[in-house]
């Protein structure tokens, strides 16, 4: 479970990835599944890491870029075992892609459309 703070709104607790009903209510722009990702720390205090970090662990992660329902974008990341989860808010879609590259080394060509194409 993860908590998102919506600007000018309440904290929202949700399960990620969302179930089908939730996916039908939100727009997902791009996704990555089962990507090996280096992280350090433990929930709730963790971050993307470099492989050279002695405390880093390699985990399978999923990533989504979605709308936030208010004109912004969320970069959502989660371990495939659902132990790690977080999101960051971005004003533009381009900023979400840039943040994914900066935090996790995700290259633009790795992203797939929601249908997988």
Protein backbone atom coordinates (compact mmCIF):
# COMPACT_ATOMS: atom_id res chain seq x y z
CA UNK A 1 0.00 0.00 0.00
CA UNK A 2 1.23 3.51 -0.74
CA UNK A 3 0.07 6.97 0.28
CA UNK A 4 -0.15 9.84 -2.16
CA UNK A 5 -0.56 13.44 -1.11
CA UNK A 6 -2.73 15.19 -3.66
CA UNK A 7 -2.02 18.94 -3.95
CA UNK A 8 -4.87 20.82 -2.25
CA UNK A 9 -6.47 17.52 -1.31
CA UNK A 10 -6.42 14.71 1.22
CA UNK A 11 -3.91 11.90 1.44
CA UNK A 12 -5.09 8.95 -0.61
CA UNK A 13 -4.15 5.39 0.33
CA UNK A 14 -4.16 2.97 -2.58
CA UNK A 15 -2.84 -0.37 -3.71
CA UNK A 16 -0.45 -0.28 -6.64
CA UNK A 17 -0.65 -1.44 -9.30
CA UNK A 18 -4.32 -0.60 -9.34
CA UNK A 19 -7.02 -3.15 -9.95
CA UNK A 20 -9.01 -3.07 -13.21
CA UNK A 21 -11.69 -0.74 -11.81
CA UNK A 22 -9.09 1.87 -10.84
CA UNK A 23 -7.22 1.50 -14.15
CA UNK A 24 -10.46 2.30 -15.95
CA UNK A 25 -10.67 5.63 -14.06
CA UNK A 26 -7.14 6.86 -14.73
CA UNK A 27 -5.04 7.35 -17.81
CA UNK A 28 -1.70 5.57 -17.98
CA UNK A 29 0.70 7.09 -20.49
CA UNK A 30 3.55 4.59 -20.25
CA UNK A 31 4.62 1.51 -18.30
CA UNK A 32 7.59 -0.73 -17.62
CA UNK A 33 7.25 -4.14 -15.97
CA UNK A 34 9.72 -6.51 -14.31
CA UNK A 35 12.72 -4.23 -14.78
CA UNK A 36 15.78 -5.10 -12.67
CA UNK A 37 16.28 -2.00 -10.50
CA UNK A 38 18.92 -1.18 -7.88
CA UNK A 39 17.54 0.28 -4.64
CA UNK A 40 18.96 1.09 -1.23
CA UNK A 41 17.20 1.47 2.09
CA UNK A 42 14.01 -0.15 3.30
CA UNK A 43 10.38 0.97 3.16
CA UNK A 44 9.34 3.61 3.87
CA UNK A 45 12.77 5.24 3.42
CA UNK A 46 14.36 3.97 0.20
CA UNK A 47 15.56 5.27 -3.15
CA UNK A 48 16.99 4.21 -6.47
CA UNK A 49 20.68 3.35 -6.23
CA UNK A 50 23.75 2.72 -8.31
CA UNK A 51 25.00 -0.86 -8.61
CA UNK A 52 28.30 0.22 -7.04
CA UNK A 53 26.56 1.20 -3.76
CA UNK A 54 27.50 -1.56 -1.28
CA UNK A 55 24.03 -1.44 0.32
CA UNK A 56 22.16 -1.67 -3.01
CA UNK A 57 19.84 -4.58 -3.78
CA UNK A 58 18.62 -5.61 -7.22
CA UNK A 59 14.82 -6.05 -7.34
CA UNK A 60 12.24 -6.44 -10.10
CA UNK A 61 10.24 -3.21 -10.38
CA UNK A 62 7.26 -1.85 -12.26
CA UNK A 63 6.89 1.78 -13.30
CA UNK A 64 3.89 3.76 -14.57
CA UNK A 65 3.37 7.33 -15.63
CA UNK A 66 -0.24 8.30 -15.04
CA UNK A 67 -2.36 11.40 -14.82
CA UNK A 68 -3.09 12.69 -11.33
CA UNK A 69 -6.68 13.66 -12.10
CA UNK A 70 -5.88 17.36 -11.76
CA UNK A 71 -3.70 18.16 -14.79
CA UNK A 72 -0.40 16.82 -13.47
CA UNK A 73 1.42 13.50 -13.77
CA UNK A 74 2.55 10.77 -11.38
CA UNK A 75 5.63 8.64 -11.75
CA UNK A 76 4.65 5.52 -9.81
CA UNK A 77 7.19 2.83 -8.97
CA UNK A 78 6.77 -0.42 -7.09
CA UNK A 79 8.62 -3.66 -6.56
CA UNK A 80 6.88 -6.59 -8.18
CA UNK A 81 6.59 -8.22 -4.73
CA UNK A 82 4.72 -5.06 -3.59
CA UNK A 83 7.10 -4.40 -0.68
CA UNK A 84 8.44 -1.12 -2.13
CA UNK A 85 6.15 1.56 -3.56
CA UNK A 86 6.34 5.30 -4.11
CA UNK A 87 5.23 8.05 -6.43
CA UNK A 88 6.38 11.52 -7.39
CA UNK A 89 4.26 14.34 -8.80
CA UNK A 90 5.27 16.26 -11.92
CA UNK A 91 3.81 19.26 -13.67
CA UNK A 92 4.52 17.89 -17.16
CA UNK A 93 4.80 14.49 -18.80
CA UNK A 94 8.35 15.33 -19.87
CA UNK A 95 9.32 16.06 -16.24
CA UNK A 96 7.98 12.62 -15.22
CA UNK A 97 10.15 10.92 -17.86
CA UNK A 98 13.18 12.98 -16.79
CA UNK A 99 12.62 12.08 -13.14
CA UNK A 100 12.43 8.38 -13.99
CA UNK A 101 15.77 8.62 -15.77
CA UNK A 102 17.38 10.61 -12.97
CA UNK A 103 16.09 8.42 -10.11
CA UNK A 104 16.22 4.97 -11.70
CA UNK A 105 18.18 5.25 -14.94
CA UNK A 106 15.11 4.50 -17.08
CA UNK A 107 15.75 5.40 -20.70
CA UNK A 108 12.91 6.78 -22.80
CA UNK A 109 13.03 3.81 -25.20
CA UNK A 110 12.30 1.39 -22.32
CA UNK A 111 8.78 2.75 -21.83
CA UNK A 112 5.86 0.95 -23.47
CA UNK A 113 2.37 2.20 -24.19
CA UNK A 114 -0.28 0.82 -21.81
CA UNK A 115 -1.31 -1.78 -24.39
CA UNK A 116 2.27 -3.03 -24.56
CA UNK A 117 3.02 -1.78 -28.08
